[in-house]
């Protein structure tokens, strides 16, 4: 059984953007905001807000897209999320 994969962008409290990949978007955003399971980067920049996501059928496709997004400039990411 295949999972649905998501890439996502969070806006941190300090205005920075964080990009990640997960199979459970709601759970992962909650982890970033409320638990030690969130990324070290976001733990000190709470609260975070989900500002963008895309859905993929495979982990490999999602990870390729995540890598592309992580290479974008701040301005390019802002245009992607509609800022």
N, C-alpha and C. Protein backbone atom coordinates (compact mmCIF):
# COMPACT_ATOMS: atom_id res chain seq x y z
N UNK A 1 0.84 -1.18 0.00
CA UNK A 1 0.00 0.00 0.00
C UNK A 1 0.88 1.24 0.00
N UNK A 2 0.66 2.12 -0.94
CA UNK A 2 1.46 3.33 -1.04
C UNK A 2 0.88 4.44 -0.19
N UNK A 3 1.77 5.27 0.35
CA UNK A 3 1.37 6.42 1.14
C UNK A 3 1.30 7.65 0.27
N UNK A 4 0.58 8.63 0.75
CA UNK A 4 0.61 9.94 0.14
C UNK A 4 1.69 10.74 0.85
N UNK A 5 2.55 11.39 0.10
CA UNK A 5 3.65 12.19 0.65
C UNK A 5 3.39 13.66 0.40
N UNK A 6 3.82 14.48 1.33
CA UNK A 6 3.65 15.92 1.24
C UNK A 6 4.99 16.60 1.41
N UNK A 7 5.23 17.63 0.60
CA UNK A 7 6.29 18.56 0.95
C UNK A 7 5.56 19.77 1.51
N UNK A 8 6.21 20.47 2.42
CA UNK A 8 5.54 21.59 3.07
C UNK A 8 6.53 22.69 3.39
N UNK A 9 6.01 23.89 3.49
CA UNK A 9 6.80 25.04 3.91
C UNK A 9 6.11 25.65 5.12
N UNK A 10 6.89 25.88 6.15
CA UNK A 10 6.41 26.52 7.38
C UNK A 10 7.01 27.91 7.48
N UNK A 11 6.22 28.85 7.96
CA UNK A 11 6.76 30.17 8.31
C UNK A 11 6.98 30.14 9.82
N UNK A 12 8.20 30.38 10.23
CA UNK A 12 8.55 30.38 11.65
C UNK A 12 8.25 31.75 12.25
N UNK A 13 8.22 31.80 13.58
CA UNK A 13 7.90 33.04 14.30
C UNK A 13 8.85 34.17 13.96
N UNK A 14 10.08 33.84 13.60
CA UNK A 14 11.06 34.88 13.24
C UNK A 14 11.00 35.27 11.76
N UNK A 15 10.03 34.71 11.03
CA UNK A 15 9.84 35.06 9.62
C UNK A 15 10.60 34.17 8.65
N UNK A 16 11.44 33.29 9.15
CA UNK A 16 12.17 32.40 8.25
C UNK A 16 11.25 31.29 7.75
N UNK A 17 11.68 30.61 6.69
CA UNK A 17 10.91 29.53 6.10
C UNK A 17 11.63 28.21 6.29
N UNK A 18 10.87 27.16 6.56
CA UNK A 18 11.41 25.81 6.75
C UNK A 18 10.67 24.88 5.80
N UNK A 19 11.40 24.03 5.09
CA UNK A 19 10.80 23.09 4.15
C UNK A 19 11.06 21.66 4.62
N UNK A 20 10.03 20.81 4.54
CA UNK A 20 10.17 19.42 4.94
C UNK A 20 9.28 18.51 4.12
N UNK A 21 9.33 17.22 4.45
CA UNK A 21 8.54 16.20 3.77
C UNK A 21 7.96 15.25 4.81
N UNK A 22 6.73 14.78 4.59
CA UNK A 22 6.06 13.91 5.56
C UNK A 22 4.93 13.14 4.89
N UNK A 23 4.44 12.12 5.59
CA UNK A 23 3.24 11.41 5.13
C UNK A 23 1.99 11.89 5.86
N UNK A 24 2.17 12.60 6.96
CA UNK A 24 1.04 13.08 7.77
C UNK A 24 1.27 14.56 8.09
N UNK A 25 0.70 15.41 7.29
CA UNK A 25 0.96 16.84 7.38
C UNK A 25 0.49 17.44 8.70
N UNK A 26 -0.70 17.13 9.13
CA UNK A 26 -1.22 17.69 10.38
C UNK A 26 -0.37 17.27 11.57
N UNK A 27 -0.01 15.98 11.62
CA UNK A 27 0.82 15.50 12.72
C UNK A 27 2.18 16.19 12.73
N UNK A 28 2.77 16.34 11.55
CA UNK A 28 4.12 16.92 11.46
C UNK A 28 4.11 18.39 11.88
N UNK A 29 3.12 19.15 11.45
CA UNK A 29 3.03 20.55 11.86
C UNK A 29 2.86 20.63 13.38
N UNK A 30 2.04 19.75 13.93
CA UNK A 30 1.86 19.70 15.38
C UNK A 30 3.18 19.39 16.08
N UNK A 31 3.94 18.46 15.54
CA UNK A 31 5.25 18.13 16.12
C UNK A 31 6.18 19.34 16.09
N UNK A 32 6.17 20.05 14.99
CA UNK A 32 7.02 21.24 14.89
C UNK A 32 6.63 22.28 15.95
N UNK A 33 5.36 22.36 16.27
CA UNK A 33 4.89 23.37 17.22
C UNK A 33 4.91 22.93 18.68
N UNK A 34 4.75 21.63 18.94
CA UNK A 34 4.45 21.22 20.31
C UNK A 34 5.35 20.15 20.92
N UNK A 35 6.24 19.54 20.17
CA UNK A 35 7.00 18.44 20.76
C UNK A 35 8.47 18.52 20.42
N UNK A 36 9.23 17.63 21.01
CA UNK A 36 10.66 17.54 20.72
C UNK A 36 10.93 16.83 19.40
N UNK A 37 9.88 16.29 18.78
CA UNK A 37 10.04 15.60 17.50
C UNK A 37 10.14 16.57 16.34
N UNK A 38 9.82 17.83 16.57
CA UNK A 38 9.98 18.84 15.53
C UNK A 38 11.45 19.05 15.24
N UNK A 39 11.76 19.60 14.10
CA UNK A 39 13.15 19.85 13.73
C UNK A 39 13.80 20.81 14.72
N UNK A 40 15.07 20.60 14.94
CA UNK A 40 15.83 21.49 15.84
C UNK A 40 15.69 22.94 15.40
N UNK A 41 15.70 23.15 14.08
CA UNK A 41 15.58 24.51 13.54
C UNK A 41 14.29 25.18 13.99
N UNK A 42 13.18 24.45 13.94
CA UNK A 42 11.89 25.07 14.26
C UNK A 42 11.61 25.13 15.75
N UNK A 43 12.26 24.26 16.54
CA UNK A 43 12.00 24.25 17.98
C UNK A 43 12.27 25.60 18.64
N UNK A 44 13.25 26.31 18.16
CA UNK A 44 13.59 27.62 18.76
C UNK A 44 12.93 28.78 18.01
N UNK A 45 12.07 28.47 17.04
CA UNK A 45 11.42 29.49 16.23
C UNK A 45 9.90 29.32 16.23
N UNK A 46 9.36 28.81 17.31
CA UNK A 46 7.93 28.58 17.43
C UNK A 46 7.21 29.87 17.78
N UNK A 47 5.94 29.95 17.42
CA UNK A 47 5.16 28.95 16.68
C UNK A 47 5.46 29.02 15.19
N UNK A 48 5.14 27.92 14.52
CA UNK A 48 5.28 27.86 13.07
C UNK A 48 3.89 27.76 12.46
N UNK A 49 3.78 28.21 11.23
CA UNK A 49 2.51 28.21 10.51
C UNK A 49 2.71 27.56 9.14
N UNK A 50 1.86 26.61 8.81
CA UNK A 50 1.92 25.99 7.49
C UNK A 50 1.48 27.01 6.46
N UNK A 51 2.35 27.29 5.48
CA UNK A 51 2.01 28.29 4.46
C UNK A 51 1.94 27.70 3.05
N UNK A 52 2.38 26.44 2.88
CA UNK A 52 2.37 25.85 1.55
C UNK A 52 2.56 24.34 1.65
N UNK A 53 1.91 23.60 0.75
CA UNK A 53 2.16 22.16 0.67
C UNK A 53 1.82 21.66 -0.74
N UNK A 54 2.42 20.54 -1.09
CA UNK A 54 2.15 19.83 -2.34
C UNK A 54 2.04 18.35 -2.00
N UNK A 55 1.27 17.60 -2.79
CA UNK A 55 1.05 16.17 -2.56
C UNK A 55 1.73 15.37 -3.66
N UNK A 56 2.35 14.24 -3.24
CA UNK A 56 3.03 13.34 -4.17
C UNK A 56 2.67 11.90 -3.85
N UNK A 57 2.79 11.03 -4.85
CA UNK A 57 2.45 9.63 -4.66
C UNK A 57 3.61 8.80 -4.15
N UNK A 58 4.84 9.32 -4.21
CA UNK A 58 5.98 8.54 -3.74
C UNK A 58 6.94 9.43 -2.95
N UNK A 59 7.65 8.77 -2.05
CA UNK A 59 8.64 9.50 -1.24
C UNK A 59 9.73 10.08 -2.13
N UNK A 60 10.18 9.31 -3.10
CA UNK A 60 11.27 9.78 -3.94
C UNK A 60 10.90 11.05 -4.70
N UNK A 61 9.71 11.10 -5.24
CA UNK A 61 9.25 12.29 -5.96
C UNK A 61 9.14 13.48 -5.02
N UNK A 62 8.60 13.25 -3.83
CA UNK A 62 8.48 14.32 -2.84
C UNK A 62 9.85 14.84 -2.43
N UNK A 63 10.80 13.95 -2.24
CA UNK A 63 12.15 14.36 -1.82
C UNK A 63 12.87 15.14 -2.91
N UNK A 64 12.65 14.76 -4.16
CA UNK A 64 13.24 15.52 -5.27
C UNK A 64 12.67 16.93 -5.28
N UNK A 65 11.37 17.06 -5.12
CA UNK A 65 10.74 18.39 -5.09
C UNK A 65 11.21 19.19 -3.88
N UNK A 66 11.35 18.55 -2.73
CA UNK A 66 11.85 19.22 -1.54
C UNK A 66 13.24 19.80 -1.80
N UNK A 67 14.11 19.03 -2.43
CA UNK A 67 15.46 19.50 -2.74
C UNK A 67 15.43 20.72 -3.66
N UNK A 68 14.53 20.69 -4.65
CA UNK A 68 14.40 21.83 -5.57
C UNK A 68 13.97 23.07 -4.79
N UNK A 69 12.97 22.93 -3.93
CA UNK A 69 12.47 24.06 -3.15
C UNK A 69 13.54 24.60 -2.22
N UNK A 70 14.30 23.72 -1.59
CA UNK A 70 15.34 24.17 -0.66
C UNK A 70 16.43 24.98 -1.36
N UNK A 71 16.60 24.77 -2.65
CA UNK A 71 17.61 25.51 -3.42
C UNK A 71 17.11 26.87 -3.90
N UNK A 72 15.80 27.12 -3.79
CA UNK A 72 15.25 28.40 -4.24
C UNK A 72 15.72 29.53 -3.33
N UNK A 73 15.79 30.71 -3.88
CA UNK A 73 16.10 31.89 -3.08
C UNK A 73 14.89 32.25 -2.23
N UNK A 74 15.09 33.12 -1.28
CA UNK A 74 13.98 33.57 -0.42
C UNK A 74 12.88 34.21 -1.29
N UNK A 75 13.27 35.03 -2.25
CA UNK A 75 12.28 35.67 -3.13
C UNK A 75 11.50 34.64 -3.94
N UNK A 76 12.19 33.63 -4.45
CA UNK A 76 11.51 32.59 -5.22
C UNK A 76 10.54 31.80 -4.34
N UNK A 77 10.95 31.51 -3.11
CA UNK A 77 10.05 30.82 -2.18
C UNK A 77 8.85 31.68 -1.85
N UNK A 78 9.06 32.98 -1.68
CA UNK A 78 7.95 33.89 -1.39
C UNK A 78 6.94 33.90 -2.53
N UNK A 79 7.42 33.89 -3.76
CA UNK A 79 6.50 33.84 -4.90
C UNK A 79 5.75 32.50 -4.93
N UNK A 80 6.44 31.42 -4.62
CA UNK A 80 5.82 30.11 -4.62
C UNK A 80 4.67 30.04 -3.62
N UNK A 81 4.85 30.61 -2.44
CA UNK A 81 3.83 30.53 -1.41
C UNK A 81 2.80 31.66 -1.50
N UNK A 82 3.00 32.55 -2.47
CA UNK A 82 2.01 33.60 -2.71
C UNK A 82 2.17 34.83 -1.85
N UNK A 83 3.37 35.06 -1.36
CA UNK A 83 3.62 36.29 -0.58
C UNK A 83 3.72 37.50 -1.48
